[in-house]
Amino acid sequence: MSEWYEESFGEDYLIVYRHRDFGGARREVETMIGWLGLPQGAKVLDLCCGMGRHSLALAEAGYEVTGVDLSEALLREARAQGGAEQVTWVRSDMRELPLAGGFDAVVNLFTSFGYFEEDAEHLKVLGEIRRMLKPGGRYIIDFLSPDYVAAHLVPHSVREDGETLIDERRRIEDGYVKKEITLTARAGGEPRHYLERVKLYDREKFSALIREAGLVIDQVHGSYDEEEYRGAESPRMIFVGRRP
């Protein structure tokens, strides 16, 4: 039986998240460059790069970028973008990367973490981030803010994208935030159903996992506006740190 993330990150994902724009990714990358303090030409790994928005913005900013994702559909979309030839695209599970490491920085963005049931599986991901980094290399893990999610969860929403109706139902259950997505074509046909599920790690637990993996935490930001993380007031929980 397939895992939810093997089913959900296909062609329909491109419809559901079409509103995620490349301009926003460039603005976020400008902030990340300031946090990471990297020289031009530094080697950056975008772990779980999706359709490549941040990978392409990092390459445009003058970095040597490798984008890794498990979804062939999203990598195909990434390779179709202008400037895609500047990035090395690799299909892989984030828990076991077919790469030797030696990166100056690893970024894991847009809540591309918390997909598994066991802490041990998430620790494997953090261990791979450490292995990919040079000693002194920097990382960014951009995760959701669990307190903010709990305070601002919208249980149900419906919207249209062209000829597709997108129905999204959200709930917090058993330590996860879950989203059920149904896509229905106006022309008819069977509705398509997907599930997204992310484990809700609070700051204390996530910090403990990061440290257990042998990484140092330097800052925790609440958004790309650089303010400190403030629980339910902060929409994101962005860890910035390094491999000692």
C-alpha atoms as a PDB file:
ATOM      1  CA  MET A   1       0.000   0.000   0.000  1.00  0.00           C
ATOM      2  CA  SER A   2       1.368   3.412  -0.993  1.00  0.00           C
ATOM      3  CA  GLU A   3       2.153   6.076   1.592  1.00  0.00           C
ATOM      4  CA  TRP A   4       0.061   9.259   1.429  1.00  0.00           C
ATOM      5  CA  TYR A   5       2.959  11.358   0.127  1.00  0.00           C
ATOM      6  CA  GLU A   6       3.487   8.972  -2.781  1.00  0.00           C
ATOM      7  CA  GLU A   7      -0.124   9.536  -3.854  1.00  0.00           C
ATOM      8  CA  SER A   8      -0.582  13.246  -3.062  1.00  0.00           C
ATOM      9  CA  PHE A   9       2.437  14.793  -4.792  1.00  0.00           C
ATOM     10  CA  GLY A  10       1.378  14.047  -8.351  1.00  0.00           C
ATOM     11  CA  GLU A  11      -0.160  16.046 -11.197  1.00  0.00           C
ATOM     12  CA  ASP A  12      -3.114  17.160  -9.060  1.00  0.00           C
ATOM     13  CA  TYR A  13      -0.750  18.713  -6.504  1.00  0.00           C
ATOM     14  CA  LEU A  14       0.189  21.217  -9.207  1.00  0.00           C
ATOM     15  CA  ILE A  15      -3.465  22.262  -9.362  1.00  0.00           C
ATOM     16  CA  VAL A  16      -4.013  22.442  -5.596  1.00  0.00           C
ATOM     17  CA  TYR A  17      -0.865  24.532  -5.007  1.00  0.00           C
ATOM     18  CA  ARG A  18      -0.768  26.541  -8.215  1.00  0.00           C
ATOM     19  CA  HIS A  19      -1.090  29.735  -6.131  1.00  0.00           C
ATOM     20  CA  ARG A  20       2.439  29.216  -4.719  1.00  0.00           C
ATOM     21  CA  ASP A  21       4.277  31.704  -6.906  1.00  0.00           C
ATOM     22  CA  PHE A  22       7.890  31.985  -8.015  1.00  0.00           C
ATOM     23  CA  GLY A  23       8.054  35.648  -6.980  1.00  0.00           C
ATOM     24  CA  GLY A  24       7.319  34.684  -3.373  1.00  0.00           C
ATOM     25  CA  ALA A  25      10.079  32.083  -3.522  1.00  0.00           C
ATOM     26  CA  ARG A  26      12.579  34.731  -4.660  1.00  0.00           C
ATOM     27  CA  ARG A  27      11.687  36.964  -1.717  1.00  0.00           C
ATOM     28  CA  GLU A  28      12.076  34.060   0.697  1.00  0.00           C
ATOM     29  CA  VAL A  29      15.433  33.141  -0.844  1.00  0.00           C
ATOM     30  CA  GLU A  30      16.696  36.708  -0.369  1.00  0.00           C
ATOM     31  CA  THR A  31      15.954  36.349   3.356  1.00  0.00           C
ATOM     32  CA  MET A  32      17.503  32.876   3.511  1.00  0.00           C
ATOM     33  CA  ILE A  33      20.712  34.124   1.889  1.00  0.00           C
ATOM     34  CA  GLY A  34      21.021  36.657   4.703  1.00  0.00           C
ATOM     35  CA  TRP A  35      20.474  33.975   7.336  1.00  0.00           C
ATOM     36  CA  LEU A  36      22.932  31.526   5.779  1.00  0.00           C
ATOM     37  CA  GLY A  37      25.680  34.043   5.021  1.00  0.00           C
ATOM     38  CA  LEU A  38      26.957  32.036   2.049  1.00  0.00           C
ATOM     39  CA  PRO A  39      29.471  33.237  -0.545  1.00  0.00           C
ATOM     40  CA  GLN A  40      28.609  33.250  -4.247  1.00  0.00           C
ATOM     41  CA  GLY A  41      29.041  29.822  -5.799  1.00  0.00           C
ATOM     42  CA  ALA A  42      28.337  27.929  -2.572  1.00  0.00           C
ATOM     43  CA  LYS A  43      26.822  24.448  -2.943  1.00  0.00           C
ATOM     44  CA  VAL A  44      23.202  24.299  -1.748  1.00  0.00           C
ATOM     45  CA  LEU A  45      20.929  21.256  -1.458  1.00  0.00           C
ATOM     46  CA  ASP A  46      17.180  21.931  -1.662  1.00  0.00           C
ATOM     47  CA  LEU A  47      15.791  18.839   0.058  1.00  0.00           C
ATOM     48  CA  CYS A  48      12.202  18.125  -1.053  1.00  0.00           C
ATOM     49  CA  CYS A  49      12.379  20.779  -3.762  1.00  0.00           C
ATOM     50  CA  GLY A  50       8.915  20.093  -5.198  1.00  0.00           C
ATOM     51  CA  MET A  51       8.325  22.020  -8.408  1.00  0.00           C
ATOM     52  CA  GLY A  52      11.652  23.801  -7.928  1.00  0.00           C
ATOM     53  CA  ARG A  53      10.593  27.333  -6.989  1.00  0.00           C
ATOM     54  CA  HIS A  54      13.322  27.858  -4.391  1.00  0.00           C
ATOM     55  CA  SER A  55      15.954  25.811  -6.226  1.00  0.00           C
ATOM     56  CA  LEU A  56      15.593  28.034  -9.284  1.00  0.00           C
ATOM     57  CA  ALA A  57      15.679  31.229  -7.210  1.00  0.00           C
ATOM     58  CA  LEU A  58      18.843  30.034  -5.428  1.00  0.00           C
ATOM     59  CA  ALA A  59      20.497  29.200  -8.762  1.00  0.00           C
ATOM     60  CA  GLU A  60      19.493  32.608 -10.117  1.00  0.00           C
ATOM     61  CA  ALA A  61      21.150  34.175  -7.069  1.00  0.00           C
ATOM     62  CA  GLY A  62      24.466  32.549  -8.004  1.00  0.00           C
ATOM     63  CA  TYR A  63      24.566  29.285  -6.055  1.00  0.00           C
ATOM     64  CA  GLU A  64      25.384  25.759  -7.237  1.00  0.00           C
ATOM     65  CA  VAL A  65      22.078  24.013  -6.506  1.00  0.00           C
ATOM     66  CA  THR A  66      20.933  20.414  -6.279  1.00  0.00           C
ATOM     67  CA  GLY A  67      17.180  19.844  -5.954  1.00  0.00           C
ATOM     68  CA  VAL A  68      15.952  16.525  -4.548  1.00  0.00           C
ATOM     69  CA  ASP A  69      12.371  15.249  -4.489  1.00  0.00           C
ATOM     70  CA  LEU A  70      10.574  11.907  -4.498  1.00  0.00           C
ATOM     71  CA  SER A  71       7.826  13.027  -6.893  1.00  0.00           C
ATOM     72  CA  GLU A  72       8.583  12.508 -10.557  1.00  0.00           C
ATOM     73  CA  ALA A  73       5.594  14.717 -11.465  1.00  0.00           C
ATOM     74  CA  LEU A  74       6.947  17.660  -9.480  1.00  0.00           C
ATOM     75  CA  LEU A  75      10.486  17.156 -10.786  1.00  0.00           C
ATOM     76  CA  ARG A  76       9.105  17.103 -14.339  1.00  0.00           C
ATOM     77  CA  GLU A  77       7.448  20.452 -13.639  1.00  0.00           C
ATOM     78  CA  ALA A  78      10.701  21.789 -12.178  1.00  0.00           C
ATOM     79  CA  ARG A  79      12.708  20.691 -15.229  1.00  0.00           C
ATOM     80  CA  ALA A  80      10.225  22.499 -17.499  1.00  0.00           C
ATOM     81  CA  GLN A  81      10.890  25.893 -15.909  1.00  0.00           C
ATOM     82  CA  GLY A  82      13.152  28.552 -17.364  1.00  0.00           C
ATOM     83  CA  GLY A  83      16.674  28.243 -15.961  1.00  0.00           C
ATOM     84  CA  ALA A  84      16.137  24.601 -14.918  1.00  0.00           C
ATOM     85  CA  GLU A  85      19.362  23.568 -16.629  1.00  0.00           C
ATOM     86  CA  GLN A  86      21.291  25.465 -13.924  1.00  0.00           C
ATOM     87  CA  VAL A  87      20.058  23.013 -11.252  1.00  0.00           C
ATOM     88  CA  THR A  88      20.959  19.348 -10.763  1.00  0.00           C
ATOM     89  CA  TRP A  89      17.663  17.496 -10.211  1.00  0.00           C
ATOM     90  CA  VAL A  90      17.663  14.186  -8.318  1.00  0.00           C
ATOM     91  CA  ARG A  91      14.754  11.851  -7.513  1.00  0.00           C
ATOM     92  CA  SER A  92      15.142  10.301  -4.063  1.00  0.00           C
ATOM     93  CA  ASP A  93      13.526   9.571  -0.711  1.00  0.00           C
ATOM     94  CA  MET A  94      14.723  12.160   1.815  1.00  0.00           C
ATOM     95  CA  ARG A  95      15.654   9.438   4.326  1.00  0.00           C
ATOM     96  CA  GLU A  96      18.368   7.906   2.153  1.00  0.00           C
ATOM     97  CA  LEU A  97      20.028  10.242  -0.329  1.00  0.00           C
ATOM     98  CA  PRO A  98      22.201   8.976  -3.209  1.00  0.00           C
ATOM     99  CA  LEU A  99      24.625  11.859  -2.732  1.00  0.00           C
ATOM    100  CA  ALA A 100      28.104  12.123  -1.230  1.00  0.00           C
ATOM    101  CA  GLY A 101      27.513  15.354   0.673  1.00  0.00           C
ATOM    102  CA  GLY A 102      29.936  18.271   0.813  1.00  0.00           C
ATOM    103  CA  PHE A 103      27.244  20.953   0.689  1.00  0.00           C
ATOM    104  CA  ASP A 104      27.674  24.416   2.189  1.00  0.00           C
ATOM    105  CA  ALA A 105      23.963  24.529   3.022  1.00  0.00           C
ATOM    106  CA  VAL A 106      20.841  22.346   3.074  1.00  0.00           C
ATOM    107  CA  VAL A 107      17.368  23.881   2.982  1.00  0.00           C
ATOM    108  CA  ASN A 108      14.134  21.988   3.692  1.00  0.00           C
ATOM    109  CA  LEU A 109      11.196  24.290   2.979  1.00  0.00           C
ATOM    110  CA  PHE A 110       7.394  24.657   2.920  1.00  0.00           C
ATOM    111  CA  THR A 111       6.749  22.029   5.631  1.00  0.00           C
ATOM    112  CA  SER A 112       8.573  19.227   3.810  1.00  0.00           C
ATOM    113  CA  PHE A 113       9.047  17.433   7.128  1.00  0.00           C
ATOM    114  CA  GLY A 114       6.872  15.418   9.505  1.00  0.00           C
ATOM    115  CA  TYR A 115       5.537  13.058   6.824  1.00  0.00           C
ATOM    116  CA  PHE A 116       6.211   9.814   8.699  1.00  0.00           C
ATOM    117  CA  GLU A 117       4.683   8.169  11.752  1.00  0.00           C
ATOM    118  CA  GLU A 118       7.816   7.325  13.744  1.00  0.00           C
ATOM    119  CA  ASP A 119      10.270   9.801  15.245  1.00  0.00           C
ATOM    120  CA  ALA A 120      13.048   7.459  14.110  1.00  0.00           C
ATOM    121  CA  GLU A 121      12.142   8.103  10.459  1.00  0.00           C
ATOM    122  CA  HIS A 122      12.287  11.867  10.961  1.00  0.00           C
ATOM    123  CA  LEU A 123      15.617  11.424  12.733  1.00  0.00           C
ATOM    124  CA  LYS A 124      16.896   9.670   9.589  1.00  0.00           C
ATOM    125  CA  VAL A 125      16.021  12.783   7.574  1.00  0.00           C
ATOM    126  CA  LEU A 126      17.860  15.028  10.022  1.00  0.00           C
ATOM    127  CA  GLY A 127      20.795  12.613   9.962  1.00  0.00           C
ATOM    128  CA  GLU A 128      20.919  12.890   6.177  1.00  0.00           C
ATOM    129  CA  ILE A 129      20.861  16.689   6.426  1.00  0.00           C
ATOM    130  CA  ARG A 130      23.879  16.454   8.743  1.00  0.00           C
ATOM    131  CA  ARG A 131      25.646  13.984   6.426  1.00  0.00           C
ATOM    132  CA  MET A 132      25.082  16.250   3.412  1.00  0.00           C
ATOM    133  CA  LEU A 133      26.688  19.238   5.131  1.00  0.00           C
ATOM    134  CA  LYS A 134      30.347  20.109   5.315  1.00  0.00           C
ATOM    135  CA  PRO A 135      31.574  20.726   8.872  1.00  0.00           C
ATOM    136  CA  GLY A 136      30.407  24.274   9.579  1.00  0.00           C
ATOM    137  CA  GLY A 137      27.753  23.978   6.852  1.00  0.00           C
ATOM    138  CA  ARG A 138      24.420  25.687   7.458  1.00  0.00           C
ATOM    139  CA  TYR A 139      20.837  24.479   7.287  1.00  0.00           C
ATOM    140  CA  ILE A 140      17.299  25.888   7.247  1.00  0.00           C
ATOM    141  CA  ILE A 141      14.261  23.778   8.146  1.00  0.00           C
ATOM    142  CA  ASP A 142      11.039  25.698   7.459  1.00  0.00           C
ATOM    143  CA  PHE A 143       8.227  23.950   9.337  1.00  0.00           C
ATOM    144  CA  LEU A 144       4.697  24.936  10.246  1.00  0.00           C
ATOM    145  CA  SER A 145       4.026  26.567  13.611  1.00  0.00           C
ATOM    146  CA  PRO A 146       1.890  24.002  15.496  1.00  0.00           C
ATOM    147  CA  ASP A 147       0.432  26.577  17.902  1.00  0.00           C
ATOM    148  CA  TYR A 148      -0.497  28.857  15.002  1.00  0.00           C
ATOM    149  CA  VAL A 149      -2.094  25.963  13.113  1.00  0.00           C
ATOM    150  CA  ALA A 150      -4.176  25.048  16.145  1.00  0.00           C
ATOM    151  CA  ALA A 151      -5.308  28.667  16.585  1.00  0.00           C
ATOM    152  CA  HIS A 152      -6.043  29.413  12.909  1.00  0.00           C
ATOM    153  CA  LEU A 153      -7.130  26.089  11.386  1.00  0.00           C
ATOM    154  CA  VAL A 154      -9.868  26.508   8.775  1.00  0.00           C
ATOM    155  CA  PRO A 155     -11.873  23.259   8.983  1.00  0.00           C
ATOM    156  CA  HIS A 156     -13.401  23.499   5.505  1.00  0.00           C
ATOM    157  CA  SER A 157     -12.862  25.543   2.360  1.00  0.00           C
ATOM    158  CA  VAL A 158     -13.906  25.292  -1.280  1.00  0.00           C
ATOM    159  CA  ARG A 159     -12.354  27.092  -4.246  1.00  0.00           C
ATOM    160  CA  GLU A 160     -12.149  26.846  -8.011  1.00  0.00           C
ATOM    161  CA  ASP A 161      -9.157  26.477 -10.293  1.00  0.00           C
ATOM    162  CA  GLY A 162     -10.293  26.743 -13.887  1.00  0.00           C
ATOM    163  CA  GLU A 163     -12.631  23.819 -14.455  1.00  0.00           C
ATOM    164  CA  THR A 164     -11.693  22.075 -11.196  1.00  0.00           C
ATOM    165  CA  LEU A 165     -13.463  22.402  -7.854  1.00  0.00           C
ATOM    166  CA  ILE A 166     -11.066  21.973  -4.884  1.00  0.00           C
ATOM    167  CA  ASP A 167     -12.659  20.949  -1.587  1.00  0.00           C
ATOM    168  CA  GLU A 168     -10.301  20.911   1.447  1.00  0.00           C
ATOM    169  CA  ARG A 169     -11.169  19.623   4.934  1.00  0.00           C
ATOM    170  CA  ARG A 170      -8.667  20.067   7.763  1.00  0.00           C
ATOM    171  CA  ARG A 171      -8.435  18.697  11.280  1.00  0.00           C
ATOM    172  CA  ILE A 172      -5.968  18.063  14.078  1.00  0.00           C
ATOM    173  CA  GLU A 173      -6.094  14.431  15.173  1.00  0.00           C
ATOM    174  CA  ASP A 174      -3.771  12.097  17.120  1.00  0.00           C
ATOM    175  CA  GLY A 175      -0.869  14.543  17.021  1.00  0.00           C
ATOM    176  CA  TYR A 176      -1.122  15.267  13.285  1.00  0.00           C
ATOM    177  CA  VAL A 177      -2.635  17.997  11.166  1.00  0.00           C
ATOM    178  CA  LYS A 178      -4.558  16.265   8.401  1.00  0.00           C
ATOM    179  CA  LYS A 179      -5.996  17.643   5.192  1.00  0.00           C
ATOM    180  CA  GLU A 180      -8.414  15.738   2.970  1.00  0.00           C
ATOM    181  CA  ILE A 181      -8.531  17.126  -0.563  1.00  0.00           C
ATOM    182  CA  THR A 182     -11.198  16.324  -3.139  1.00  0.00           C
ATOM    183  CA  LEU A 183     -10.874  17.521  -6.742  1.00  0.00           C
ATOM    184  CA  THR A 184     -13.956  17.441  -8.958  1.00  0.00           C
ATOM    185  CA  ALA A 185     -13.965  18.341 -12.646  1.00  0.00           C
ATOM    186  CA  ARG A 186     -16.922  20.476 -13.757  1.00  0.00           C
ATOM    187  CA  ALA A 187     -17.125  18.340 -16.889  1.00  0.00           C
ATOM    188  CA  GLY A 188     -17.926  15.320 -14.722  1.00  0.00           C
ATOM    189  CA  GLY A 189     -16.078  12.137 -13.907  1.00  0.00           C
ATOM    190  CA  GLU A 190     -15.089  10.582 -10.612  1.00  0.00           C
ATOM    191  CA  PRO A 191     -13.815  12.905  -7.858  1.00  0.00           C
ATOM    192  CA  ARG A 192     -10.128  12.452  -6.957  1.00  0.00           C
ATOM    193  CA  HIS A 193      -9.313  12.139  -3.252  1.00  0.00           C
ATOM    194  CA  TYR A 194      -6.016  12.813  -1.460  1.00  0.00           C
ATOM    195  CA  LEU A 195      -4.777  12.982   2.111  1.00  0.00           C
ATOM    196  CA  GLU A 196      -1.964  15.115   3.508  1.00  0.00           C
ATOM    197  CA  ARG A 197      -0.679  14.366   7.010  1.00  0.00           C
ATOM    198  CA  VAL A 198       2.031  16.172   8.971  1.00  0.00           C
ATOM    199  CA  LYS A 199       3.191  15.282  12.472  1.00  0.00           C
ATOM    200  CA  LEU A 200       2.827  18.261  14.808  1.00  0.00           C
ATOM    201  CA  TYR A 201       6.209  18.753  16.467  1.00  0.00           C
ATOM    202  CA  ASP A 202       6.340  21.633  18.946  1.00  0.00           C
ATOM    203  CA  ARG A 203       9.498  23.704  19.305  1.00  0.00           C
ATOM    204  CA  GLU A 204      10.831  21.707  22.260  1.00  0.00           C
ATOM    205  CA  LYS A 205      10.404  18.295  20.626  1.00  0.00           C
ATOM    206  CA  PHE A 206      11.666  19.417  17.220  1.00  0.00           C
ATOM    207  CA  SER A 207      14.700  21.070  18.827  1.00  0.00           C
ATOM    208  CA  ALA A 208      15.470  17.846  20.693  1.00  0.00           C
ATOM    209  CA  LEU A 209      15.354  15.833  17.437  1.00  0.00           C
ATOM    210  CA  ILE A 210      17.647  18.312  15.671  1.00  0.00           C
ATOM    211  CA  ARG A 211      20.183  18.138  18.490  1.00  0.00           C
ATOM    212  CA  GLU A 212      19.943  14.348  18.639  1.00  0.00           C
ATOM    213  CA  ALA A 213      20.925  14.304  14.951  1.00  0.00           C
ATOM    214  CA  GLY A 214      24.102  16.222  15.813  1.00  0.00           C
ATOM    215  CA  LEU A 215      23.076  19.643  14.531  1.00  0.00           C
ATOM    216  CA  VAL A 216      23.301  23.010  16.294  1.00  0.00           C
ATOM    217  CA  ILE A 217      20.365  25.457  16.364  1.00  0.00           C
ATOM    218  CA  ASP A 218      21.377  29.127  16.047  1.00  0.00           C
ATOM    219  CA  GLN A 219      17.995  30.832  15.582  1.00  0.00           C
ATOM    220  CA  VAL A 220      14.311  30.005  15.325  1.00  0.00           C
ATOM    221  CA  HIS A 221      12.338  32.502  13.232  1.00  0.00           C
ATOM    222  CA  GLY A 222       8.571  32.906  13.092  1.00  0.00           C
ATOM    223  CA  SER A 223       8.430  33.872   9.404  1.00  0.00           C
ATOM    224  CA  TYR A 224      10.588  35.160   6.558  1.00  0.00           C
ATOM    225  CA  ASP A 225      10.233  38.649   8.017  1.00  0.00           C
ATOM    226  CA  GLU A 226      13.002  37.520  10.407  1.00  0.00           C
ATOM    227  CA  GLU A 227      11.181  38.007  13.695  1.00  0.00           C
ATOM    228  CA  GLU A 228      11.768  35.562  16.534  1.00  0.00           C
ATOM    229  CA  TYR A 229       9.430  32.597  16.843  1.00  0.00           C
ATOM    230  CA  ARG A 230       6.511  33.438  19.151  1.00  0.00           C
ATOM    231  CA  GLY A 231       4.283  30.368  19.252  1.00  0.00           C
ATOM    232  CA  ALA A 232       0.696  31.008  18.201  1.00  0.00           C
ATOM    233  CA  GLU A 233       1.636  34.479  16.874  1.00  0.00           C
ATOM    234  CA  SER A 234       4.098  33.043  14.345  1.00  0.00           C
ATOM    235  CA  PRO A 235       2.862  31.427  11.125  1.00  0.00           C
ATOM    236  CA  ARG A 236       6.086  29.441  10.617  1.00  0.00           C
ATOM    237  CA  MET A 237       8.734  27.766  12.794  1.00  0.00           C
ATOM    238  CA  ILE A 238      11.990  28.152  10.875  1.00  0.00           C
ATOM    239  CA  PHE A 239      15.126  26.584  12.351  1.00  0.00           C
ATOM    240  CA  VAL A 240      18.474  27.990  11.222  1.00  0.00           C
ATOM    241  CA  GLY A 241      21.682  26.343  12.352  1.00  0.00           C
ATOM    242  CA  ARG A 242      24.793  24.427  11.394  1.00  0.00           C
ATOM    243  CA  ARG A 243      26.743  21.222  11.483  1.00  0.00           C
ATOM    244  CA  PRO A 244      29.506  21.614  14.105  1.00  0.00           C
END
